[in-house]
Amino acid sequence: MIRIGFHKVPVVPEQITFFNVRGSLIFYGTAHVGRGSRIVVAKGAKLELGDNFAISASSYINCYEHIKVGKDIQLAWGDLLMDGDAHVIYGDDDRILNECKEIILGDKIWIGCDCKILKGATIPDNCVVGANSVVTAGSKMQSNSLIVGSPAKSVKKIKGFKI
């Protein structure tokens, strides 16, 4: 049901697959975690992975609070999903300026290589995220679209895709 460390990508150097789960990691079905990928779930955080989840080689998920991933998701190599900054920045009034914000991925999404999906990002259903795109909380996206850029935005409607 869950395969870890089997997928190898020839263009990515071999690395060890790494899990550091101190919070909750929930698989809602089948999953494939490629060689060299790293999944970190902080204490008290929750990472939810939908059915038919696949992460290719050398991609990272850093979950500090909450990341929810729908079904039929494919991450290519070199991707990063991160709902926090791992460090705290304080303002003049001692308020935290960079609080964690959840990431939500809908169903049937293909994220190309070397993409960054950062805190507060939401990607709707049936989308393809082009290589090297940076998806942030302010990114403008629509369902059934090709998403590209930094910051990422929907640039073209699509009917679907096949991996």
C-alpha atoms as a PDB file:
ATOM      1  CA  MET A   1       0.000   0.000   0.000  1.00  0.00           C
ATOM      2  CA  ILE A   2       2.838   2.415   0.847  1.00  0.00           C
ATOM      3  CA  ARG A   3       6.137   2.086  -1.017  1.00  0.00           C
ATOM      4  CA  ILE A   4       9.151   3.965   0.292  1.00  0.00           C
ATOM      5  CA  GLY A   5      12.488   4.544  -1.434  1.00  0.00           C
ATOM      6  CA  PHE A   6      11.950   2.541  -4.625  1.00  0.00           C
ATOM      7  CA  HIS A   7      11.672   5.212  -7.300  1.00  0.00           C
ATOM      8  CA  LYS A   8      14.992   6.403  -8.691  1.00  0.00           C
ATOM      9  CA  VAL A   9      15.414   9.322 -11.109  1.00  0.00           C
ATOM     10  CA  PRO A  10      18.590   9.165 -13.242  1.00  0.00           C
ATOM     11  CA  VAL A  11      19.096  12.959 -13.188  1.00  0.00           C
ATOM     12  CA  VAL A  12      19.066  13.119  -9.370  1.00  0.00           C
ATOM     13  CA  PRO A  13      21.996  11.897  -7.225  1.00  0.00           C
ATOM     14  CA  GLU A  14      21.142   8.950  -4.978  1.00  0.00           C
ATOM     15  CA  GLN A  15      20.228   9.861  -1.429  1.00  0.00           C
ATOM     16  CA  ILE A  16      18.623   8.170   1.542  1.00  0.00           C
ATOM     17  CA  THR A  17      14.874   8.514   2.047  1.00  0.00           C
ATOM     18  CA  PHE A  18      14.226  10.194   5.393  1.00  0.00           C
ATOM     19  CA  PHE A  19      11.175  10.409   7.666  1.00  0.00           C
ATOM     20  CA  ASN A  20      11.099  12.437  10.892  1.00  0.00           C
ATOM     21  CA  VAL A  21       7.535  12.273  12.152  1.00  0.00           C
ATOM     22  CA  ARG A  22       6.809  13.713  15.591  1.00  0.00           C
ATOM     23  CA  GLY A  23       3.263  14.798  14.714  1.00  0.00           C
ATOM     24  CA  SER A  24       0.610  12.971  12.659  1.00  0.00           C
ATOM     25  CA  LEU A  25       1.268  11.501   9.212  1.00  0.00           C
ATOM     26  CA  ILE A  26      -1.938  10.106   7.715  1.00  0.00           C
ATOM     27  CA  PHE A  27      -2.094   8.084   4.489  1.00  0.00           C
ATOM     28  CA  TYR A  28      -5.637   7.836   3.063  1.00  0.00           C
ATOM     29  CA  GLY A  29      -4.707   5.112   0.581  1.00  0.00           C
ATOM     30  CA  THR A  30      -1.789   4.103  -1.601  1.00  0.00           C
ATOM     31  CA  ALA A  31       1.392   6.158  -1.643  1.00  0.00           C
ATOM     32  CA  HIS A  32       4.802   6.057  -3.258  1.00  0.00           C
ATOM     33  CA  VAL A  33       7.706   7.973  -1.703  1.00  0.00           C
ATOM     34  CA  GLY A  34      10.727   8.077  -4.009  1.00  0.00           C
ATOM     35  CA  ARG A  35      14.358   7.565  -3.083  1.00  0.00           C
ATOM     36  CA  GLY A  36      16.011  10.555  -1.437  1.00  0.00           C
ATOM     37  CA  SER A  37      12.765  12.248  -0.461  1.00  0.00           C
ATOM     38  CA  ARG A  38      12.409  13.720   3.005  1.00  0.00           C
ATOM     39  CA  ILE A  39       9.237  14.054   5.025  1.00  0.00           C
ATOM     40  CA  VAL A  40       9.345  15.989   8.291  1.00  0.00           C
ATOM     41  CA  VAL A  41       6.260  16.438  10.475  1.00  0.00           C
ATOM     42  CA  ALA A  42       6.828  18.590  13.559  1.00  0.00           C
ATOM     43  CA  LYS A  43       5.379  17.854  16.988  1.00  0.00           C
ATOM     44  CA  GLY A  44       1.681  18.718  16.965  1.00  0.00           C
ATOM     45  CA  ALA A  45       1.587  19.087  13.159  1.00  0.00           C
ATOM     46  CA  LYS A  46      -0.605  17.080  10.787  1.00  0.00           C
ATOM     47  CA  LEU A  47       0.303  15.895   7.275  1.00  0.00           C
ATOM     48  CA  GLU A  48      -2.556  14.267   5.330  1.00  0.00           C
ATOM     49  CA  LEU A  49      -1.794  12.445   2.068  1.00  0.00           C
ATOM     50  CA  GLY A  50      -4.694  11.380  -0.168  1.00  0.00           C
ATOM     51  CA  ASP A  51      -5.014   8.133  -2.120  1.00  0.00           C
ATOM     52  CA  ASN A  52      -2.622   7.574  -5.023  1.00  0.00           C
ATOM     53  CA  PHE A  53      -0.018  10.029  -3.705  1.00  0.00           C
ATOM     54  CA  ALA A  54       3.407   9.913  -5.375  1.00  0.00           C
ATOM     55  CA  ILE A  55       6.517  11.910  -4.605  1.00  0.00           C
ATOM     56  CA  SER A  56       9.492  11.385  -6.878  1.00  0.00           C
ATOM     57  CA  ALA A  57      13.143  11.373  -5.893  1.00  0.00           C
ATOM     58  CA  SER A  58      14.715  14.055  -3.719  1.00  0.00           C
ATOM     59  CA  SER A  59      11.620  16.088  -2.902  1.00  0.00           C
ATOM     60  CA  TYR A  60      10.900  17.490   0.550  1.00  0.00           C
ATOM     61  CA  ILE A  61       7.804  18.000   2.654  1.00  0.00           C
ATOM     62  CA  ASN A  62       8.290  20.057   5.816  1.00  0.00           C
ATOM     63  CA  CYS A  63       5.060  20.192   7.812  1.00  0.00           C
ATOM     64  CA  TYR A  64       5.111  22.482  10.839  1.00  0.00           C
ATOM     65  CA  GLU A  65       1.347  22.866  11.300  1.00  0.00           C
ATOM     66  CA  HIS A  66      -0.946  21.392   8.599  1.00  0.00           C
ATOM     67  CA  ILE A  67      -0.601  20.232   5.002  1.00  0.00           C
ATOM     68  CA  LYS A  68      -3.538  18.503   3.314  1.00  0.00           C
ATOM     69  CA  VAL A  69      -2.939  16.767  -0.011  1.00  0.00           C
ATOM     70  CA  GLY A  70      -5.833  15.413  -2.092  1.00  0.00           C
ATOM     71  CA  LYS A  71      -5.932  12.218  -4.155  1.00  0.00           C
ATOM     72  CA  ASP A  72      -4.087  11.490  -7.413  1.00  0.00           C
ATOM     73  CA  ILE A  73      -1.135  13.790  -6.697  1.00  0.00           C
ATOM     74  CA  GLN A  74       2.266  13.512  -8.415  1.00  0.00           C
ATOM     75  CA  LEU A  75       5.288  15.498  -7.249  1.00  0.00           C
ATOM     76  CA  ALA A  76       8.344  15.431  -9.518  1.00  0.00           C
ATOM     77  CA  TRP A  77      11.927  15.562  -8.253  1.00  0.00           C
ATOM     78  CA  GLY A  78      13.388  18.483  -6.342  1.00  0.00           C
ATOM     79  CA  ASP A  79      10.052  19.822  -5.081  1.00  0.00           C
ATOM     80  CA  LEU A  80       9.472  21.459  -1.692  1.00  0.00           C
ATOM     81  CA  LEU A  81       6.221  21.773   0.264  1.00  0.00           C
ATOM     82  CA  MET A  82       6.652  23.849   3.418  1.00  0.00           C
ATOM     83  CA  ASP A  83       3.896  25.413   5.550  1.00  0.00           C
ATOM     84  CA  GLY A  84       6.263  27.381   7.785  1.00  0.00           C
ATOM     85  CA  ASP A  85       9.681  28.986   7.836  1.00  0.00           C
ATOM     86  CA  ALA A  86      11.383  26.830  10.496  1.00  0.00           C
ATOM     87  CA  HIS A  87      12.488  30.044  12.219  1.00  0.00           C
ATOM     88  CA  VAL A  88      10.545  32.796  13.938  1.00  0.00           C
ATOM     89  CA  ILE A  89      10.769  36.478  13.016  1.00  0.00           C
ATOM     90  CA  TYR A  90       9.541  39.010  15.592  1.00  0.00           C
ATOM     91  CA  GLY A  91       8.284  42.508  14.832  1.00  0.00           C
ATOM     92  CA  ASP A  92       9.005  45.646  16.852  1.00  0.00           C
ATOM     93  CA  ASP A  93       6.000  44.822  19.051  1.00  0.00           C
ATOM     94  CA  ASP A  94       7.257  41.244  19.689  1.00  0.00           C
ATOM     95  CA  ARG A  95       4.503  39.750  17.501  1.00  0.00           C
ATOM     96  CA  ILE A  96       5.453  36.806  15.306  1.00  0.00           C
ATOM     97  CA  LEU A  97       5.564  38.085  11.726  1.00  0.00           C
ATOM     98  CA  ASN A  98       5.913  34.766   9.914  1.00  0.00           C
ATOM     99  CA  GLU A  99       3.353  32.376  11.375  1.00  0.00           C
ATOM    100  CA  CYS A 100       2.715  28.993   9.751  1.00  0.00           C
ATOM    101  CA  LYS A 101      -0.166  28.770   7.262  1.00  0.00           C
ATOM    102  CA  GLU A 102      -1.649  25.517   5.990  1.00  0.00           C
ATOM    103  CA  ILE A 103      -1.140  24.231   2.465  1.00  0.00           C
ATOM    104  CA  ILE A 104      -4.090  22.670   0.653  1.00  0.00           C
ATOM    105  CA  LEU A 105      -3.737  20.670  -2.574  1.00  0.00           C
ATOM    106  CA  GLY A 106      -6.946  19.590  -4.307  1.00  0.00           C
ATOM    107  CA  ASP A 107      -7.318  16.365  -6.321  1.00  0.00           C
ATOM    108  CA  LYS A 108      -5.437  15.364  -9.492  1.00  0.00           C
ATOM    109  CA  ILE A 109      -2.452  17.687  -9.453  1.00  0.00           C
ATOM    110  CA  TRP A 110       0.924  17.232 -11.128  1.00  0.00           C
ATOM    111  CA  ILE A 111       3.724  19.377  -9.722  1.00  0.00           C
ATOM    112  CA  GLY A 112       6.725  19.634 -12.069  1.00  0.00           C
ATOM    113  CA  CYS A 113      10.356  19.468 -10.969  1.00  0.00           C
ATOM    114  CA  ASP A 114      12.003  22.000  -8.660  1.00  0.00           C
ATOM    115  CA  CYS A 115       8.754  23.692  -7.595  1.00  0.00           C
ATOM    116  CA  LYS A 116       8.232  25.388  -4.254  1.00  0.00           C
ATOM    117  CA  ILE A 117       4.793  25.200  -2.623  1.00  0.00           C
ATOM    118  CA  LEU A 118       4.975  27.581   0.324  1.00  0.00           C
ATOM    119  CA  LYS A 119       2.862  28.397   3.377  1.00  0.00           C
ATOM    120  CA  GLY A 120      -0.687  29.473   2.724  1.00  0.00           C
ATOM    121  CA  ALA A 121      -0.753  28.059  -0.832  1.00  0.00           C
ATOM    122  CA  THR A 122      -3.882  26.429  -2.202  1.00  0.00           C
ATOM    123  CA  ILE A 123      -3.868  24.579  -5.526  1.00  0.00           C
ATOM    124  CA  PRO A 124      -7.305  23.664  -6.918  1.00  0.00           C
ATOM    125  CA  ASP A 125      -8.304  20.393  -8.633  1.00  0.00           C
ATOM    126  CA  ASN A 126      -6.961  19.187 -11.997  1.00  0.00           C
ATOM    127  CA  CYS A 127      -3.916  21.434 -12.324  1.00  0.00           C
ATOM    128  CA  VAL A 128      -0.371  21.091 -13.621  1.00  0.00           C
ATOM    129  CA  VAL A 129       2.307  23.236 -11.965  1.00  0.00           C
ATOM    130  CA  GLY A 130       5.185  23.959 -14.348  1.00  0.00           C
ATOM    131  CA  ALA A 131       8.819  23.344 -13.430  1.00  0.00           C
ATOM    132  CA  ASN A 132      10.529  25.887 -11.150  1.00  0.00           C
ATOM    133  CA  SER A 133       7.262  27.582 -10.194  1.00  0.00           C
ATOM    134  CA  VAL A 134       6.804  29.143  -6.748  1.00  0.00           C
ATOM    135  CA  VAL A 135       3.288  28.834  -5.356  1.00  0.00           C
ATOM    136  CA  THR A 136       2.555  31.188  -2.461  1.00  0.00           C
ATOM    137  CA  ALA A 137      -0.455  32.298  -0.436  1.00  0.00           C
ATOM    138  CA  GLY A 138      -1.039  35.144  -2.892  1.00  0.00           C
ATOM    139  CA  SER A 139      -0.860  33.014  -6.053  1.00  0.00           C
ATOM    140  CA  LYS A 140      -3.920  33.329  -8.327  1.00  0.00           C
ATOM    141  CA  MET A 141      -5.063  29.908  -9.545  1.00  0.00           C
ATOM    142  CA  GLN A 142      -8.103  28.314 -11.118  1.00  0.00           C
ATOM    143  CA  SER A 143      -9.175  24.665 -11.379  1.00  0.00           C
ATOM    144  CA  ASN A 144      -8.339  22.881 -14.642  1.00  0.00           C
ATOM    145  CA  SER A 145      -5.341  25.035 -15.439  1.00  0.00           C
ATOM    146  CA  LEU A 146      -1.644  25.163 -16.162  1.00  0.00           C
ATOM    147  CA  ILE A 147       0.085  27.068 -13.362  1.00  0.00           C
ATOM    148  CA  VAL A 148       3.521  28.642 -13.866  1.00  0.00           C
ATOM    149  CA  GLY A 149       5.794  31.381 -12.638  1.00  0.00           C
ATOM    150  CA  SER A 150       7.136  33.029  -9.532  1.00  0.00           C
ATOM    151  CA  PRO A 151       4.757  33.875  -8.016  1.00  0.00           C
ATOM    152  CA  ALA A 152       2.715  31.224  -9.780  1.00  0.00           C
ATOM    153  CA  LYS A 153      -0.571  31.937 -11.554  1.00  0.00           C
ATOM    154  CA  SER A 154      -2.970  30.114 -13.858  1.00  0.00           C
ATOM    155  CA  VAL A 155      -2.004  30.872 -17.457  1.00  0.00           C
ATOM    156  CA  LYS A 156      -4.036  28.408 -19.526  1.00  0.00           C
ATOM    157  CA  LYS A 157      -7.126  26.228 -19.140  1.00  0.00           C
ATOM    158  CA  ILE A 158      -6.581  22.464 -19.532  1.00  0.00           C
ATOM    159  CA  LYS A 159      -8.958  19.544 -19.985  1.00  0.00           C
ATOM    160  CA  GLY A 160      -6.737  17.090 -18.127  1.00  0.00           C
ATOM    161  CA  PHE A 161      -3.365  15.355 -18.195  1.00  0.00           C
ATOM    162  CA  LYS A 162      -1.747  11.919 -18.131  1.00  0.00           C
ATOM    163  CA  ILE A 163       1.415  11.026 -16.236  1.00  0.00           C
END
